[in-house]
């Protein structure tokens, strides 16, 4: 997110604290189900 050159067009790089919590506790599928696409991390839902 600090490298603007890697931004995906029309996709926000902002991630809420709630989403970070889900990611850290290995519930990325909750992020995907409730909030949709997270740049470069969407594939982690299956993990």
ModelCIF file with pLDDT and N, C-alpha, C, O atoms, coordinates in Angstrom:
data_MODEL
#
_entry.id   MODEL 
#
_entity.id                         1 
_entity.type                       polymer 
_entity.pdbx_number_of_molecules   1 
#
_entity_poly.entity_id                      1 
_entity_poly.type                           'polypeptide(L)' 
_entity_poly.nstd_linkage                   no 
_entity_poly.nstd_monomer                   no 
_entity_poly.pdbx_seq_one_letter_code       
;(UNK)(UNK)(UNK)(UNK)(UNK)(UNK)(UNK)(UNK)(UNK)(UNK)(UNK)(UNK)(UNK)(UNK)(UNK)(UNK)
(UNK)(UNK)(UNK)(UNK)(UNK)(UNK)(UNK)(UNK)(UNK)(UNK)(UNK)(UNK)(UNK)(UNK)(UNK)(UNK)
(UNK)(UNK)(UNK)(UNK)(UNK)(UNK)(UNK)(UNK)(UNK)(UNK)(UNK)(UNK)(UNK)(UNK)(UNK)
;
_entity_poly.pdbx_seq_one_letter_code_can   XXXXXXXXXXXXXXXXXXXXXXXXXXXXXXXXXXXXXXXXXXXXXXX 
_entity_poly.pdbx_strand_id                 A 
#
loop_
_entity_poly_seq.entity_id 
_entity_poly_seq.num 
_entity_poly_seq.mon_id 
_entity_poly_seq.hetero 
1 1  UNK n 
1 2  UNK n 
1 3  UNK n 
1 4  UNK n 
1 5  UNK n 
1 6  UNK n 
1 7  UNK n 
1 8  UNK n 
1 9  UNK n 
1 10 UNK n 
1 11 UNK n 
1 12 UNK n 
1 13 UNK n 
1 14 UNK n 
1 15 UNK n 
1 16 UNK n 
1 17 UNK n 
1 18 UNK n 
1 19 UNK n 
1 20 UNK n 
1 21 UNK n 
1 22 UNK n 
1 23 UNK n 
1 24 UNK n 
1 25 UNK n 
1 26 UNK n 
1 27 UNK n 
1 28 UNK n 
1 29 UNK n 
1 30 UNK n 
1 31 UNK n 
1 32 UNK n 
1 33 UNK n 
1 34 UNK n 
1 35 UNK n 
1 36 UNK n 
1 37 UNK n 
1 38 UNK n 
1 39 UNK n 
1 40 UNK n 
1 41 UNK n 
1 42 UNK n 
1 43 UNK n 
1 44 UNK n 
1 45 UNK n 
1 46 UNK n 
1 47 UNK n 
#
_struct_asym.id          A 
_struct_asym.entity_id   1 
#
loop_
_ma_qa_metric.id 
_ma_qa_metric.mode 
_ma_qa_metric.name 
_ma_qa_metric.software_group_id 
_ma_qa_metric.type 
1 global pLDDT . pLDDT 
2 local  pLDDT . pLDDT 
#
_ma_qa_metric_global.metric_id      1 
_ma_qa_metric_global.metric_value   88.60 
_ma_qa_metric_global.model_id       1 
_ma_qa_metric_global.ordinal_id     1 
#
loop_
_ma_qa_metric_local.label_asym_id 
_ma_qa_metric_local.label_comp_id 
_ma_qa_metric_local.label_seq_id 
_ma_qa_metric_local.metric_id 
_ma_qa_metric_local.metric_value 
_ma_qa_metric_local.model_id 
_ma_qa_metric_local.ordinal_id 
A UNK 1  2 91.00 1 1  
A UNK 2  2 91.00 1 2  
A UNK 3  2 91.00 1 3  
A UNK 4  2 90.00 1 4  
A UNK 5  2 91.00 1 5  
A UNK 6  2 92.00 1 6  
A UNK 7  2 92.00 1 7  
A UNK 8  2 91.00 1 8  
A UNK 9  2 89.00 1 9  
A UNK 10 2 83.00 1 10 
A UNK 11 2 84.00 1 11 
A UNK 12 2 79.00 1 12 
A UNK 13 2 75.00 1 13 
A UNK 14 2 79.00 1 14 
A UNK 15 2 82.00 1 15 
A UNK 16 2 85.00 1 16 
A UNK 17 2 88.00 1 17 
A UNK 18 2 88.00 1 18 
A UNK 19 2 89.00 1 19 
A UNK 20 2 93.00 1 20 
A UNK 21 2 93.00 1 21 
A UNK 22 2 92.00 1 22 
A UNK 23 2 94.00 1 23 
A UNK 24 2 95.00 1 24 
A UNK 25 2 93.00 1 25 
A UNK 26 2 91.00 1 26 
A UNK 27 2 91.00 1 27 
A UNK 28 2 91.00 1 28 
A UNK 29 2 89.00 1 29 
A UNK 30 2 88.00 1 30 
A UNK 31 2 88.00 1 31 
A UNK 32 2 85.00 1 32 
A UNK 33 2 82.00 1 33 
A UNK 34 2 82.00 1 34 
A UNK 35 2 82.00 1 35 
A UNK 36 2 77.00 1 36 
A UNK 37 2 80.00 1 37 
A UNK 38 2 88.00 1 38 
A UNK 39 2 90.00 1 39 
A UNK 40 2 94.00 1 40 
A UNK 41 2 94.00 1 41 
A UNK 42 2 91.00 1 42 
A UNK 43 2 94.00 1 43 
A UNK 44 2 95.00 1 44 
A UNK 45 2 93.00 1 45 
A UNK 46 2 94.00 1 46 
A UNK 47 2 95.00 1 47 
#
loop_
_atom_site.group_PDB 
_atom_site.id 
_atom_site.type_symbol 
_atom_site.label_atom_id 
_atom_site.label_alt_id 
_atom_site.label_comp_id 
_atom_site.label_asym_id 
_atom_site.label_entity_id 
_atom_site.label_seq_id 
_atom_site.pdbx_PDB_ins_code 
_atom_site.Cartn_x 
_atom_site.Cartn_y 
_atom_site.Cartn_z 
_atom_site.occupancy 
_atom_site.B_iso_or_equiv 
_atom_site.pdbx_formal_charge 
_atom_site.auth_seq_id 
_atom_site.auth_comp_id 
_atom_site.auth_asym_id 
_atom_site.auth_atom_id 
_atom_site.pdbx_PDB_model_num 
ATOM 1   N N  . UNK A 1 1  ? 0.807   -1.232  0.000   1.00 91.00 ? 1  UNK A N  1 
ATOM 2   C CA . UNK A 1 1  ? 0.000   0.000   0.000   1.00 91.00 ? 1  UNK A CA 1 
ATOM 3   C C  . UNK A 1 1  ? 0.837   1.277   0.000   1.00 91.00 ? 1  UNK A C  1 
ATOM 4   O O  . UNK A 1 1  ? 0.331   2.343   -0.351  1.00 91.00 ? 1  UNK A O  1 
ATOM 5   N N  . UNK A 1 2  ? 2.114   1.184   0.390   1.00 91.00 ? 2  UNK A N  1 
ATOM 6   C CA . UNK A 1 2  ? 2.989   2.354   0.384   1.00 91.00 ? 2  UNK A CA 1 
ATOM 7   C C  . UNK A 1 2  ? 3.640   2.585   -0.978  1.00 91.00 ? 2  UNK A C  1 
ATOM 8   O O  . UNK A 1 2  ? 4.299   3.602   -1.198  1.00 91.00 ? 2  UNK A O  1 
ATOM 9   N N  . UNK A 1 3  ? 3.448   1.626   -1.890  1.00 91.00 ? 3  UNK A N  1 
ATOM 10  C CA . UNK A 1 3  ? 4.042   1.732   -3.234  1.00 91.00 ? 3  UNK A CA 1 
ATOM 11  C C  . UNK A 1 3  ? 2.926   2.045   -4.214  1.00 91.00 ? 3  UNK A C  1 
ATOM 12  O O  . UNK A 1 3  ? 2.253   1.136   -4.701  1.00 91.00 ? 3  UNK A O  1 
ATOM 13  N N  . UNK A 1 4  ? 2.727   3.301   -4.503  1.00 90.00 ? 4  UNK A N  1 
ATOM 14  C CA . UNK A 1 4  ? 1.599   3.716   -5.348  1.00 90.00 ? 4  UNK A CA 1 
ATOM 15  C C  . UNK A 1 4  ? 1.681   3.121   -6.753  1.00 90.00 ? 4  UNK A C  1 
ATOM 16  O O  . UNK A 1 4  ? 0.659   2.941   -7.414  1.00 90.00 ? 4  UNK A O  1 
ATOM 17  N N  . UNK A 1 5  ? 2.896   2.816   -7.205  1.00 91.00 ? 5  UNK A N  1 
ATOM 18  C CA . UNK A 1 5  ? 3.089   2.234   -8.543  1.00 91.00 ? 5  UNK A CA 1 
ATOM 19  C C  . UNK A 1 5  ? 2.357   0.895   -8.666  1.00 91.00 ? 5  UNK A C  1 
ATOM 20  O O  . UNK A 1 5  ? 1.999   0.493   -9.773  1.00 91.00 ? 5  UNK A O  1 
ATOM 21  N N  . UNK A 1 6  ? 2.128   0.194   -7.537  1.00 92.00 ? 6  UNK A N  1 
ATOM 22  C CA . UNK A 1 6  ? 1.488   -1.118  -7.560  1.00 92.00 ? 6  UNK A CA 1 
ATOM 23  C C  . UNK A 1 6  ? -0.029  -1.043  -7.339  1.00 92.00 ? 6  UNK A C  1 
ATOM 24  O O  . UNK A 1 6  ? -0.691  -2.074  -7.226  1.00 92.00 ? 6  UNK A O  1 
ATOM 25  N N  . UNK A 1 7  ? -0.579  0.180   -7.277  1.00 92.00 ? 7  UNK A N  1 
ATOM 26  C CA . UNK A 1 7  ? -2.026  0.312   -7.087  1.00 92.00 ? 7  UNK A CA 1 
ATOM 27  C C  . UNK A 1 7  ? -2.790  -0.341  -8.234  1.00 92.00 ? 7  UNK A C  1 
ATOM 28  O O  . UNK A 1 7  ? -2.383  -0.261  -9.393  1.00 92.00 ? 7  UNK A O  1 
ATOM 29  N N  . UNK A 1 8  ? -3.896  -0.983  -7.894  1.00 91.00 ? 8  UNK A N  1 
ATOM 30  C CA . UNK A 1 8  ? -4.788  -1.554  -8.907  1.00 91.00 ? 8  UNK A CA 1 
ATOM 31  C C  . UNK A 1 8  ? -5.839  -0.507  -9.255  1.00 91.00 ? 8  UNK A C  1 
ATOM 32  O O  . UNK A 1 8  ? -6.505  0.003   -8.354  1.00 91.00 ? 8  UNK A O  1 
ATOM 33  N N  . UNK A 1 9  ? -6.011  -0.169  -10.537 1.00 89.00 ? 9  UNK A N  1 
ATOM 34  C CA . UNK A 1 9  ? -6.958  0.881   -10.925 1.00 89.00 ? 9  UNK A CA 1 
ATOM 35  C C  . UNK A 1 9  ? -8.355  0.664   -10.350 1.00 89.00 ? 9  UNK A C  1 
ATOM 36  O O  . UNK A 1 9  ? -8.913  -0.430  -10.426 1.00 89.00 ? 9  UNK A O  1 
ATOM 37  N N  . UNK A 1 10 ? -8.900  1.719   -9.779  1.00 83.00 ? 10 UNK A N  1 
ATOM 38  C CA . UNK A 1 10 ? -10.276 1.748   -9.268  1.00 83.00 ? 10 UNK A CA 1 
ATOM 39  C C  . UNK A 1 10 ? -10.488 0.819   -8.071  1.00 83.00 ? 10 UNK A C  1 
ATOM 40  O O  . UNK A 1 10 ? -11.628 0.506   -7.727  1.00 83.00 ? 10 UNK A O  1 
ATOM 41  N N  . UNK A 1 11 ? -9.408  0.379   -7.439  1.00 84.00 ? 11 UNK A N  1 
ATOM 42  C CA . UNK A 1 11 ? -9.522  -0.480  -6.254  1.00 84.00 ? 11 UNK A CA 1 
ATOM 43  C C  . UNK A 1 11 ? -8.835  0.219   -5.089  1.00 84.00 ? 11 UNK A C  1 
ATOM 44  O O  . UNK A 1 11 ? -7.658  0.567   -5.178  1.00 84.00 ? 11 UNK A O  1 
ATOM 45  N N  . UNK A 1 12 ? -9.555  0.421   -4.015  1.00 79.00 ? 12 UNK A N  1 
ATOM 46  C CA . UNK A 1 12 ? -9.018  1.126   -2.859  1.00 79.00 ? 12 UNK A CA 1 
ATOM 47  C C  . UNK A 1 12 ? -7.960  0.288   -2.142  1.00 79.00 ? 12 UNK A C  1 
ATOM 48  O O  . UNK A 1 12 ? -8.100  -0.929  -2.015  1.00 79.00 ? 12 UNK A O  1 
ATOM 49  N N  . UNK A 1 13 ? -6.915  0.942   -1.682  1.00 75.00 ? 13 UNK A N  1 
ATOM 50  C CA . UNK A 1 13 ? -5.866  0.257   -0.919  1.00 75.00 ? 13 UNK A CA 1 
ATOM 51  C C  . UNK A 1 13 ? -6.112  0.355   0.583   1.00 75.00 ? 13 UNK A C  1 
ATOM 52  O O  . UNK A 1 13 ? -5.356  -0.204  1.377   1.00 75.00 ? 13 UNK A O  1 
ATOM 53  N N  . UNK A 1 14 ? -7.168  1.063   0.970   1.00 79.00 ? 14 UNK A N  1 
ATOM 54  C CA . UNK A 1 14 ? -7.468  1.210   2.399   1.00 79.00 ? 14 UNK A CA 1 
ATOM 55  C C  . UNK A 1 14 ? -8.040  -0.089  2.976   1.00 79.00 ? 14 UNK A C  1 
ATOM 56  O O  . UNK A 1 14 ? -8.913  -0.722  2.381   1.00 79.00 ? 14 UNK A O  1 
ATOM 57  N N  . UNK A 1 15 ? -7.532  -0.462  4.134   1.00 82.00 ? 15 UNK A N  1 
ATOM 58  C CA . UNK A 1 15 ? -8.002  -1.666  4.821   1.00 82.00 ? 15 UNK A CA 1 
ATOM 59  C C  . UNK A 1 15 ? -8.370  -1.274  6.250   1.00 82.00 ? 15 UNK A C  1 
ATOM 60  O O  . UNK A 1 15 ? -7.551  -0.708  6.974   1.00 82.00 ? 15 UNK A O  1 
ATOM 61  N N  . UNK A 1 16 ? -9.594  -1.575  6.647   1.00 85.00 ? 16 UNK A N  1 
ATOM 62  C CA . UNK A 1 16 ? -10.050 -1.185  7.980   1.00 85.00 ? 16 UNK A CA 1 
ATOM 63  C C  . UNK A 1 16 ? -9.394  -2.041  9.061   1.00 85.00 ? 16 UNK A C  1 
ATOM 64  O O  . UNK A 1 16 ? -8.881  -3.126  8.789   1.00 85.00 ? 16 UNK A O  1 
ATOM 65  N N  . UNK A 1 17 ? -9.421  -1.534  10.284  1.00 88.00 ? 17 UNK A N  1 
ATOM 66  C CA . UNK A 1 17 ? -8.876  -2.278  11.422  1.00 88.00 ? 17 UNK A CA 1 
ATOM 67  C C  . UNK A 1 17 ? -9.622  -3.598  11.605  1.00 88.00 ? 17 UNK A C  1 
ATOM 68  O O  . UNK A 1 17 ? -9.029  -4.597  12.013  1.00 88.00 ? 17 UNK A O  1 
ATOM 69  N N  . UNK A 1 18 ? -10.912 -3.603  11.305  1.00 88.00 ? 18 UNK A N  1 
ATOM 70  C CA . UNK A 1 18 ? -11.707 -4.825  11.416  1.00 88.00 ? 18 UNK A CA 1 
ATOM 71  C C  . UNK A 1 18 ? -11.198 -5.885  10.436  1.00 88.00 ? 18 UNK A C  1 
ATOM 72  O O  . UNK A 1 18 ? -11.089 -7.059  10.790  1.00 88.00 ? 18 UNK A O  1 
ATOM 73  N N  . UNK A 1 19 ? -10.888 -5.469  9.208   1.00 89.00 ? 19 UNK A N  1 
ATOM 74  C CA . UNK A 1 19 ? -10.364 -6.401  8.228   1.00 89.00 ? 19 UNK A CA 1 
ATOM 75  C C  . UNK A 1 19 ? -8.994  -6.928  8.634   1.00 89.00 ? 19 UNK A C  1 
ATOM 76  O O  . UNK A 1 19 ? -8.697  -8.110  8.461   1.00 89.00 ? 19 UNK A O  1 
ATOM 77  N N  . UNK A 1 20 ? -8.163  -6.043  9.176   1.00 93.00 ? 20 UNK A N  1 
ATOM 78  C CA . UNK A 1 20 ? -6.838  -6.462  9.643   1.00 93.00 ? 20 UNK A CA 1 
ATOM 79  C C  . UNK A 1 20 ? -6.984  -7.526  10.721  1.00 93.00 ? 20 UNK A C  1 
ATOM 80  O O  . UNK A 1 20 ? -6.253  -8.516  10.734  1.00 93.00 ? 20 UNK A O  1 
ATOM 81  N N  . UNK A 1 21 ? -7.933  -7.314  11.624  1.00 93.00 ? 21 UNK A N  1 
ATOM 82  C CA . UNK A 1 21 ? -8.184  -8.291  12.686  1.00 93.00 ? 21 UNK A CA 1 
ATOM 83  C C  . UNK A 1 21 ? -8.546  -9.650  12.103  1.00 93.00 ? 21 UNK A C  1 
ATOM 84  O O  . UNK A 1 21 ? -8.015  -10.673 12.536  1.00 93.00 ? 21 UNK A O  1 
ATOM 85  N N  . UNK A 1 22 ? -9.448  -9.666  11.123  1.00 92.00 ? 22 UNK A N  1 
ATOM 86  C CA . UNK A 1 22 ? -9.846  -10.929 10.490  1.00 92.00 ? 22 UNK A CA 1 
ATOM 87  C C  . UNK A 1 22 ? -8.652  -11.597 9.808   1.00 92.00 ? 22 UNK A C  1 
ATOM 88  O O  . UNK A 1 22 ? -8.480  -12.812 9.902   1.00 92.00 ? 22 UNK A O  1 
ATOM 89  N N  . UNK A 1 23 ? -7.838  -10.809 9.127   1.00 94.00 ? 23 UNK A N  1 
ATOM 90  C CA . UNK A 1 23 ? -6.663  -11.375 8.465   1.00 94.00 ? 23 UNK A CA 1 
ATOM 91  C C  . UNK A 1 23 ? -5.704  -11.988 9.478   1.00 94.00 ? 23 UNK A C  1 
ATOM 92  O O  . UNK A 1 23 ? -5.222  -13.103 9.281   1.00 94.00 ? 23 UNK A O  1 
ATOM 93  N N  . UNK A 1 24 ? -5.425  -11.274 10.552  1.00 95.00 ? 24 UNK A N  1 
ATOM 94  C CA . UNK A 1 24 ? -4.447  -11.727 11.540  1.00 95.00 ? 24 UNK A CA 1 
ATOM 95  C C  . UNK A 1 24 ? -4.919  -12.964 12.286  1.00 95.00 ? 24 UNK A C  1 
ATOM 96  O O  . UNK A 1 24 ? -4.096  -13.786 12.689  1.00 95.00 ? 24 UNK A O  1 
ATOM 97  N N  . UNK A 1 25 ? -6.211  -13.114 12.476  1.00 93.00 ? 25 UNK A N  1 
ATOM 98  C CA . UNK A 1 25 ? -6.746  -14.278 13.183  1.00 93.00 ? 25 UNK A CA 1 
ATOM 99  C C  . UNK A 1 25 ? -7.104  -15.406 12.213  1.00 93.00 ? 25 UNK A C  1 
ATOM 100 O O  . UNK A 1 25 ? -7.813  -16.344 12.579  1.00 93.00 ? 25 UNK A O  1 
ATOM 101 N N  . UNK A 1 26 ? -6.620  -15.313 10.993  1.00 91.00 ? 26 UNK A N  1 
ATOM 102 C CA . UNK A 1 26 ? -6.798  -16.324 9.937   1.00 91.00 ? 26 UNK A CA 1 
ATOM 103 C C  . UNK A 1 26 ? -8.276  -16.542 9.619   1.00 91.00 ? 26 UNK A C  1 
ATOM 104 O O  . UNK A 1 26 ? -8.749  -17.674 9.519   1.00 91.00 ? 26 UNK A O  1 
ATOM 105 N N  . UNK A 1 27 ? -8.981  -15.440 9.465   1.00 91.00 ? 27 UNK A N  1 
ATOM 106 C CA . UNK A 1 27 ? -10.349 -15.461 8.957   1.00 91.00 ? 27 UNK A CA 1 
ATOM 107 C C  . UNK A 1 27 ? -10.458 -14.572 7.710   1.00 91.00 ? 27 UNK A C  1 
ATOM 108 O O  . UNK A 1 27 ? -11.361 -13.741 7.620   1.00 91.00 ? 27 UNK A O  1 
ATOM 109 N N  . UNK A 1 28 ? -9.544  -14.745 6.755   1.00 91.00 ? 28 UNK A N  1 
ATOM 110 C CA . UNK A 1 28 ? -9.626  -13.923 5.546   1.00 91.00 ? 28 UNK A CA 1 
ATOM 111 C C  . UNK A 1 28 ? -10.876 -14.216 4.727   1.00 91.00 ? 28 UNK A C  1 
ATOM 112 O O  . UNK A 1 28 ? -11.315 -13.376 3.941   1.00 91.00 ? 28 UNK A O  1 
ATOM 113 N N  . UNK A 1 29 ? -11.453 -15.412 4.907   1.00 89.00 ? 29 UNK A N  1 
ATOM 114 C CA . UNK A 1 29 ? -12.697 -15.705 4.198   1.00 89.00 ? 29 UNK A CA 1 
ATOM 115 C C  . UNK A 1 29 ? -13.833 -14.821 4.689   1.00 89.00 ? 29 UNK A C  1 
ATOM 116 O O  . UNK A 1 29 ? -14.779 -14.559 3.946   1.00 89.00 ? 29 UNK A O  1 
ATOM 117 N N  . UNK A 1 30 ? -13.749 -14.352 5.947   1.00 88.00 ? 30 UNK A N  1 
ATOM 118 C CA . UNK A 1 30 ? -14.752 -13.406 6.450   1.00 88.00 ? 30 UNK A CA 1 
ATOM 119 C C  . UNK A 1 30 ? -14.617 -12.067 5.742   1.00 88.00 ? 30 UNK A C  1 
ATOM 120 O O  . UNK A 1 30 ? -15.617 -11.427 5.417   1.00 88.00 ? 30 UNK A O  1 
ATOM 121 N N  . UNK A 1 31 ? -13.375 -11.643 5.504   1.00 88.00 ? 31 UNK A N  1 
ATOM 122 C CA . UNK A 1 31 ? -13.137 -10.386 4.774   1.00 88.00 ? 31 UNK A CA 1 
ATOM 123 C C  . UNK A 1 31 ? -13.699 -10.500 3.365   1.00 88.00 ? 31 UNK A C  1 
ATOM 124 O O  . UNK A 1 31 ? -14.378 -9.594  2.880   1.00 88.00 ? 31 UNK A O  1 
ATOM 125 N N  . UNK A 1 32 ? -13.409 -11.625 2.711   1.00 85.00 ? 32 UNK A N  1 
ATOM 126 C CA . UNK A 1 32 ? -13.858 -11.831 1.331   1.00 85.00 ? 32 UNK A CA 1 
ATOM 127 C C  . UNK A 1 32 ? -15.378 -11.892 1.251   1.00 85.00 ? 32 UNK A C  1 
ATOM 128 O O  . UNK A 1 32 ? -15.976 -11.322 0.339   1.00 85.00 ? 32 UNK A O  1 
ATOM 129 N N  . UNK A 1 33 ? -16.007 -12.584 2.205   1.00 82.00 ? 33 UNK A N  1 
ATOM 130 C CA . UNK A 1 33 ? -17.462 -12.747 2.182   1.00 82.00 ? 33 UNK A CA 1 
ATOM 131 C C  . UNK A 1 33 ? -18.188 -11.444 2.464   1.00 82.00 ? 33 UNK A C  1 
ATOM 132 O O  . UNK A 1 33 ? -19.219 -11.160 1.856   1.00 82.00 ? 33 UNK A O  1 
ATOM 133 N N  . UNK A 1 34 ? -17.650 -10.643 3.391   1.00 82.00 ? 34 UNK A N  1 
ATOM 134 C CA . UNK A 1 34 ? -18.361 -9.447  3.843   1.00 82.00 ? 34 UNK A CA 1 
ATOM 135 C C  . UNK A 1 34 ? -17.952 -8.174  3.120   1.00 82.00 ? 34 UNK A C  1 
ATOM 136 O O  . UNK A 1 34 ? -18.768 -7.274  2.924   1.00 82.00 ? 34 UNK A O  1 
ATOM 137 N N  . UNK A 1 35 ? -16.675 -8.098  2.720   1.00 82.00 ? 35 UNK A N  1 
ATOM 138 C CA . UNK A 1 35 ? -16.177 -6.814  2.208   1.00 82.00 ? 35 UNK A CA 1 
ATOM 139 C C  . UNK A 1 35 ? -15.559 -6.899  0.816   1.00 82.00 ? 35 UNK A C  1 
ATOM 140 O O  . UNK A 1 35 ? -15.165 -5.879  0.251   1.00 82.00 ? 35 UNK A O  1 
ATOM 141 N N  . UNK A 1 36 ? -15.472 -8.095  0.266   1.00 77.00 ? 36 UNK A N  1 
ATOM 142 C CA . UNK A 1 36 ? -15.037 -8.229  -1.112  1.00 77.00 ? 36 UNK A CA 1 
ATOM 143 C C  . UNK A 1 36 ? -13.535 -8.162  -1.317  1.00 77.00 ? 36 UNK A C  1 
ATOM 144 O O  . UNK A 1 36 ? -12.760 -8.646  -0.493  1.00 77.00 ? 36 UNK A O  1 
ATOM 145 N N  . UNK A 1 37 ? -13.135 -7.554  -2.428  1.00 80.00 ? 37 UNK A N  1 
ATOM 146 C CA . UNK A 1 37 ? -11.770 -7.592  -2.947  1.00 80.00 ? 37 UNK A CA 1 
ATOM 147 C C  . UNK A 1 37 ? -10.806 -6.776  -2.081  1.00 80.00 ? 37 UNK A C  1 
ATOM 148 O O  . UNK A 1 37 ? -11.034 -5.593  -1.829  1.00 80.00 ? 37 UNK A O  1 
ATOM 149 N N  . UNK A 1 38 ? -9.721  -7.426  -1.628  1.00 88.00 ? 38 UNK A N  1 
ATOM 150 C CA . UNK A 1 38 ? -8.618  -6.740  -0.969  1.00 88.00 ? 38 UNK A CA 1 
ATOM 151 C C  . UNK A 1 38 ? -7.401  -6.889  -1.860  1.00 88.00 ? 38 UNK A C  1 
ATOM 152 O O  . UNK A 1 38 ? -7.003  -8.017  -2.148  1.00 88.00 ? 38 UNK A O  1 
ATOM 153 N N  . UNK A 1 39 ? -6.790  -5.800  -2.311  1.00 90.00 ? 39 UNK A N  1 
ATOM 154 C CA . UNK A 1 39 ? -5.693  -5.881  -3.271  1.00 90.00 ? 39 UNK A CA 1 
ATOM 155 C C  . UNK A 1 39 ? -4.598  -6.859  -2.865  1.00 90.00 ? 39 UNK A C  1 
ATOM 156 O O  . UNK A 1 39 ? -4.028  -6.767  -1.778  1.00 90.00 ? 39 UNK A O  1 
ATOM 157 N N  . UNK A 1 40 ? -4.322  -7.794  -3.762  1.00 94.00 ? 40 UNK A N  1 
ATOM 158 C CA . UNK A 1 40 ? -3.232  -8.764  -3.633  1.00 94.00 ? 40 UNK A CA 1 
ATOM 159 C C  . UNK A 1 40 ? -3.402  -9.762  -2.495  1.00 94.00 ? 40 UNK A C  1 
ATOM 160 O O  . UNK A 1 40 ? -2.496  -10.552 -2.231  1.00 94.00 ? 40 UNK A O  1 
ATOM 161 N N  . UNK A 1 41 ? -4.551  -9.742  -1.814  1.00 94.00 ? 41 UNK A N  1 
ATOM 162 C CA . UNK A 1 41 ? -4.772  -10.680 -0.712  1.00 94.00 ? 41 UNK A CA 1 
ATOM 163 C C  . UNK A 1 41 ? -6.058  -11.488 -0.867  1.00 94.00 ? 41 UNK A C  1 
ATOM 164 O O  . UNK A 1 41 ? -6.388  -12.299 -0.001  1.00 94.00 ? 41 UNK A O  1 
ATOM 165 N N  . UNK A 1 42 ? -6.780  -11.274 -1.954  1.00 91.00 ? 42 UNK A N  1 
ATOM 166 C CA . UNK A 1 42 ? -8.081  -11.932 -2.099  1.00 91.00 ? 42 UNK A CA 1 
ATOM 167 C C  . UNK A 1 42 ? -7.930  -13.452 -2.112  1.00 91.00 ? 42 UNK A C  1 
ATOM 168 O O  . UNK A 1 42 ? -8.833  -14.160 -1.666  1.00 91.00 ? 42 UNK A O  1 
ATOM 169 N N  . UNK A 1 43 ? -6.802  -13.964 -2.616  1.00 94.00 ? 43 UNK A N  1 
ATOM 170 C CA . UNK A 1 43 ? -6.606  -15.414 -2.694  1.00 94.00 ? 43 UNK A CA 1 
ATOM 171 C C  . UNK A 1 43 ? -6.457  -16.067 -1.325  1.00 94.00 ? 43 UNK A C  1 
ATOM 172 O O  . UNK A 1 43 ? -6.589  -17.285 -1.205  1.00 94.00 ? 43 UNK A O  1 
ATOM 173 N N  . UNK A 1 44 ? -6.184  -15.275 -0.296  1.00 95.00 ? 44 UNK A N  1 
ATOM 174 C CA . UNK A 1 44 ? -5.966  -15.856 1.034   1.00 95.00 ? 44 UNK A CA 1 
ATOM 175 C C  . UNK A 1 44 ? -7.252  -16.372 1.671   1.00 95.00 ? 44 UNK A C  1 
ATOM 176 O O  . UNK A 1 44 ? -7.196  -17.042 2.702   1.00 95.00 ? 44 UNK A O  1 
ATOM 177 N N  . UNK A 1 45 ? -8.418  -16.074 1.076   1.00 93.00 ? 45 UNK A N  1 
ATOM 178 C CA . UNK A 1 45 ? -9.676  -16.546 1.671   1.00 93.00 ? 45 UNK A CA 1 
ATOM 179 C C  . UNK A 1 45 ? -9.667  -18.070 1.816   1.00 93.00 ? 45 UNK A C  1 
ATOM 180 O O  . UNK A 1 45 ? -10.197 -18.607 2.789   1.00 93.00 ? 45 UNK A O  1 
ATOM 181 N N  . UNK A 1 46 ? -9.064  -18.762 0.845   1.00 94.00 ? 46 UNK A N  1 
ATOM 182 C CA . UNK A 1 46 ? -9.057  -20.220 0.895   1.00 94.00 ? 46 UNK A CA 1 
ATOM 183 C C  . UNK A 1 46 ? -8.117  -20.745 1.978   1.00 94.00 ? 46 UNK A C  1 
ATOM 184 O O  . UNK A 1 46 ? -8.316  -21.847 2.489   1.00 94.00 ? 46 UNK A O  1 
ATOM 185 N N  . UNK A 1 47 ? -7.096  -19.964 2.331   1.00 95.00 ? 47 UNK A N  1 
ATOM 186 C CA . UNK A 1 47 ? -6.192  -20.371 3.404   1.00 95.00 ? 47 UNK A CA 1 
ATOM 187 C C  . UNK A 1 47 ? -6.961  -20.367 4.729   1.00 95.00 ? 47 UNK A C  1 
ATOM 188 O O  . UNK A 1 47 ? -6.392  -20.680 5.775   1.00 95.00 ? 47 UNK A O  1 
#
